[in-house]
Protein backbone atom coordinates (compact mmCIF):
# COMPACT_ATOMS: atom_id res chain seq x y z
CA UNK A 1 117.94 88.47 105.93
CA UNK A 2 118.87 91.46 103.69
CA UNK A 3 116.43 94.34 103.54
CA UNK A 4 114.39 94.62 100.35
CA UNK A 5 115.31 97.55 98.14
CA UNK A 6 112.45 99.06 96.15
CA UNK A 7 113.77 101.55 93.59
CA UNK A 8 112.56 105.15 93.98
CA UNK A 9 110.15 104.30 96.80
CA UNK A 10 109.72 106.67 99.74
CA UNK A 11 109.96 105.01 103.13
CA UNK A 12 108.02 106.48 106.05
CA UNK A 13 108.31 105.65 109.73
CA UNK A 14 107.80 107.29 113.11
CA UNK A 15 109.41 107.40 116.52
CA UNK A 16 107.59 108.21 119.72
CA UNK A 17 104.07 106.84 119.50
CA UNK A 18 104.33 104.98 122.79
CA UNK A 19 106.00 107.39 125.26
CA UNK A 20 104.21 109.33 127.96
CA UNK A 21 105.96 112.58 127.02
CA UNK A 22 107.28 114.54 124.07
CA UNK A 23 106.39 114.71 120.38
CA UNK A 24 106.05 112.00 117.77
CA UNK A 25 108.57 112.39 114.93
CA UNK A 26 108.08 111.10 111.37
CA UNK A 27 110.73 110.73 108.68
CA UNK A 28 110.26 110.23 104.94
CA UNK A 29 113.30 108.97 103.01
CA UNK A 30 114.03 108.20 99.38
CA UNK A 31 117.32 106.35 99.11
CA UNK A 32 119.45 106.94 96.00
CA UNK A 33 119.96 104.23 93.39
CA UNK A 34 122.89 102.06 94.31
CA UNK A 35 122.78 102.92 98.01
CA UNK A 36 124.42 100.08 99.88
CA UNK A 37 124.69 99.83 103.64
CA UNK A 38 124.93 96.32 105.15
CA UNK A 39 124.32 97.69 108.67
CA UNK A 40 121.00 99.28 107.74
CA UNK A 41 118.23 97.84 109.92
CA UNK A 42 115.23 98.68 112.05
CA UNK A 43 116.40 101.45 114.40
CA UNK A 44 115.21 99.47 117.44
CA UNK A 45 117.78 96.75 116.66
CA UNK A 46 120.73 99.18 116.55
CA UNK A 47 122.68 100.72 119.39
CA UNK A 48 122.73 104.51 119.74
CA UNK A 49 126.19 105.07 118.26
CA UNK A 50 125.39 102.94 115.18
CA UNK A 51 122.10 104.79 114.68
CA UNK A 52 123.87 108.16 114.82
CA UNK A 53 126.54 107.07 112.35
CA UNK A 54 123.98 105.66 109.92
CA UNK A 55 121.76 108.74 110.28
CA UNK A 56 124.63 110.95 109.09
CA UNK A 57 125.16 108.73 106.07
CA UNK A 58 121.45 108.62 105.22
CA UNK A 59 121.09 112.40 105.54
CA UNK A 60 124.11 113.04 103.31
CA UNK A 61 123.11 110.56 100.58
CA UNK A 62 119.30 110.67 100.44
CA UNK A 63 116.32 112.89 99.92
CA UNK A 64 114.59 113.13 103.28
CA UNK A 65 112.28 115.22 105.44
CA UNK A 66 111.05 115.22 109.03
CA UNK A 67 107.65 116.20 110.42
CA UNK A 68 106.61 116.62 114.04
CA UNK A 69 103.36 115.73 115.73
CA UNK A 70 103.60 118.04 118.72
CA UNK A 71 101.90 117.73 122.08
CA UNK A 72 98.98 119.91 120.96
CA UNK A 73 98.29 117.65 117.98
CA UNK A 74 98.60 114.51 120.12
CA UNK A 75 96.17 115.80 122.74
CA UNK A 76 93.76 117.27 120.20
CA UNK A 77 93.74 114.53 117.54
CA UNK A 78 95.05 111.52 119.56
CA UNK A 79 98.42 109.86 118.95
CA UNK A 80 97.31 107.80 115.95
CA UNK A 81 95.96 110.76 114.00
CA UNK A 82 98.82 113.04 115.03
CA UNK A 83 101.16 110.38 113.59
CA UNK A 84 99.19 109.89 110.37
CA UNK A 85 98.97 113.67 109.85
CA UNK A 86 102.74 114.01 110.33
CA UNK A 87 103.31 111.18 107.83
CA UNK A 88 101.29 113.03 105.21
CA UNK A 89 103.18 116.24 106.00
CA UNK A 90 106.59 114.59 105.71
CA UNK A 91 105.77 113.08 102.31
CA UNK A 92 104.29 116.36 101.08
CA UNK A 93 107.37 118.29 102.19
CA UNK A 94 109.61 115.88 100.29
CA UNK A 95 108.02 117.17 97.09
CA UNK A 96 108.25 113.93 95.09
CA UNK A 97 104.98 113.40 93.30
CA UNK A 98 105.29 110.11 91.41
CA UNK A 99 106.99 107.72 93.84
CA UNK A 100 105.33 104.91 95.73
CA UNK A 101 105.10 105.55 99.49
CA UNK A 102 105.80 102.66 101.86
CA UNK A 103 104.62 103.19 105.43
CA UNK A 104 105.68 101.09 108.40
CA UNK A 105 102.70 99.54 110.22
CA UNK A 106 99.16 98.53 109.37
CA UNK A 107 97.58 101.95 108.79
CA UNK A 108 98.00 104.15 105.73
CA UNK A 109 97.35 107.89 106.10
CA UNK A 110 94.19 108.76 104.12
CA UNK A 111 96.03 111.33 102.01
CA UNK A 112 98.47 108.67 100.81
CA UNK A 113 95.90 105.99 99.98
CA UNK A 114 96.26 106.46 96.22
CA UNK A 115 100.04 106.02 96.16
CA UNK A 116 101.00 104.12 99.29
CA UNK A 117 101.22 100.74 100.98
CA UNK A 118 101.31 99.93 104.68
CA UNK A 119 103.82 97.20 105.54
CA UNK A 120 103.72 95.54 108.95
CA UNK A 121 107.28 95.42 110.38
CA UNK A 122 108.38 97.35 107.32
CA UNK A 123 111.32 98.84 109.20
CA UNK A 124 112.78 95.32 109.45
CA UNK A 125 111.96 94.39 105.82
CA UNK A 126 112.43 97.38 103.50
CA UNK A 127 115.56 99.51 103.25
CA UNK A 128 113.94 102.91 102.78
CA UNK A 129 111.59 102.35 105.75
CA UNK A 130 114.54 101.25 107.92
CA UNK A 131 116.34 104.45 106.90
CA UNK A 132 113.28 106.50 107.88
CA UNK A 133 113.11 104.72 111.23
CA UNK A 134 116.72 105.70 111.94
CA UNK A 135 116.21 109.37 111.07
CA UNK A 136 113.00 109.58 113.09
CA UNK A 137 114.56 107.89 116.13
CA UNK A 138 117.79 109.90 116.18
CA UNK A 139 115.95 113.20 115.73
CA UNK A 140 113.43 112.44 118.48
CA UNK A 141 116.16 111.32 120.86
CA UNK A 142 117.98 114.62 120.26
CA UNK A 143 114.78 116.55 120.97
CA UNK A 144 114.24 114.64 124.21
CA UNK A 145 117.82 115.24 125.34
CA UNK A 146 117.24 118.96 124.79
CA UNK A 147 113.96 118.84 126.73
CA UNK A 148 115.79 117.03 129.54
CA UNK A 149 117.68 120.27 130.13
CA UNK A 150 114.38 122.08 130.71
CA UNK A 151 112.92 119.35 132.95
CA UNK A 152 115.97 117.67 134.55
CA UNK A 153 114.04 115.93 137.32
CA UNK A 154 112.45 113.43 134.88
CA UNK A 155 115.53 111.86 133.23
CA UNK A 156 114.26 112.26 129.66
CA UNK A 157 117.84 111.91 128.33
CA UNK A 158 117.82 108.28 129.53
CA UNK A 159 114.32 106.94 128.86
CA UNK A 160 113.17 109.47 126.22
CA UNK A 161 109.69 109.66 127.73
CA UNK A 162 108.87 105.96 127.78
CA UNK A 163 107.12 104.44 130.80
CA UNK A 164 110.20 103.08 132.53
CA UNK A 165 110.23 102.55 136.32
CA UNK A 166 112.51 105.60 136.62
CA UNK A 167 110.09 107.78 134.65
CA UNK A 168 107.01 106.56 136.51
CA UNK A 169 108.74 107.20 139.84
CA UNK A 170 109.62 110.75 138.73
CA UNK A 171 105.99 111.38 137.75
CA UNK A 172 104.89 110.08 141.14
CA UNK A 173 107.29 112.47 142.90
CA UNK A 174 106.87 115.59 140.75
CA UNK A 175 103.59 115.17 138.87
CA UNK A 176 103.38 115.77 135.11
CA UNK A 177 105.35 118.52 133.39
CA UNK A 178 104.28 120.58 130.34
CA UNK A 179 105.49 117.98 127.82
CA UNK A 180 103.61 115.02 129.32
CA UNK A 181 100.70 113.62 127.33
CA UNK A 182 97.79 114.07 129.69
CA UNK A 183 95.46 111.96 127.55
CA UNK A 184 97.72 108.96 128.19
CA UNK A 185 97.60 106.68 131.22
CA UNK A 186 98.68 107.30 133.98
CA UNK A 187 97.44 110.88 133.57
CA UNK A 188 93.84 110.30 132.44
CA UNK A 189 92.31 110.11 135.91
CA UNK A 190 94.19 113.19 137.03
CA UNK A 191 93.14 115.13 133.94
CA UNK A 192 89.50 114.09 134.36
CA UNK A 193 89.60 115.16 138.01
CA UNK A 194 90.96 118.60 137.04
CA UNK A 195 88.23 119.02 134.43
CA UNK A 196 85.51 118.07 136.93
CA UNK A 197 86.86 120.56 139.46
CA UNK A 198 86.91 123.33 136.84
CA UNK A 199 83.33 122.60 135.71
């Protein structure tokens, strides 16, 4: 089924809410009138080489921004609020005041309530949200490949921080590293133990 094209709308999506490590990345994209790309789809349905190729096309043709919810924001605010804050930041940085904002998911950031809509599975339904999903995913993957060079024992360049058997085994062997989200399972018990010992 072809993706719906909503003229002038800004699509917003994130990558990295679920992993045990690394930042969450949000993209906001306004596709130009007449933009046509039959391959455009939810980033999760595309292979890595197709995502990279489409990301280049989207970046060259569109107005877009990225915002990062870093580890500090995730631990301080929780992953949901770190994501919603980054969504507001990405839209603000785009600097387009009068366009409708379409956010993937079922939660709309409070600061976008007067101009936005949340669309469940929007990255598989609406072109500008699919484009945002591709930019967010490719940028986060690049960040995680870079971080893999700093923490090579974890294999971040392969699983990108998700809770794969390889990643869980590396955590079991080496413990968490500085980019792990200690408020996430399987770290919660360990973090609570450390706090109780420090008290």
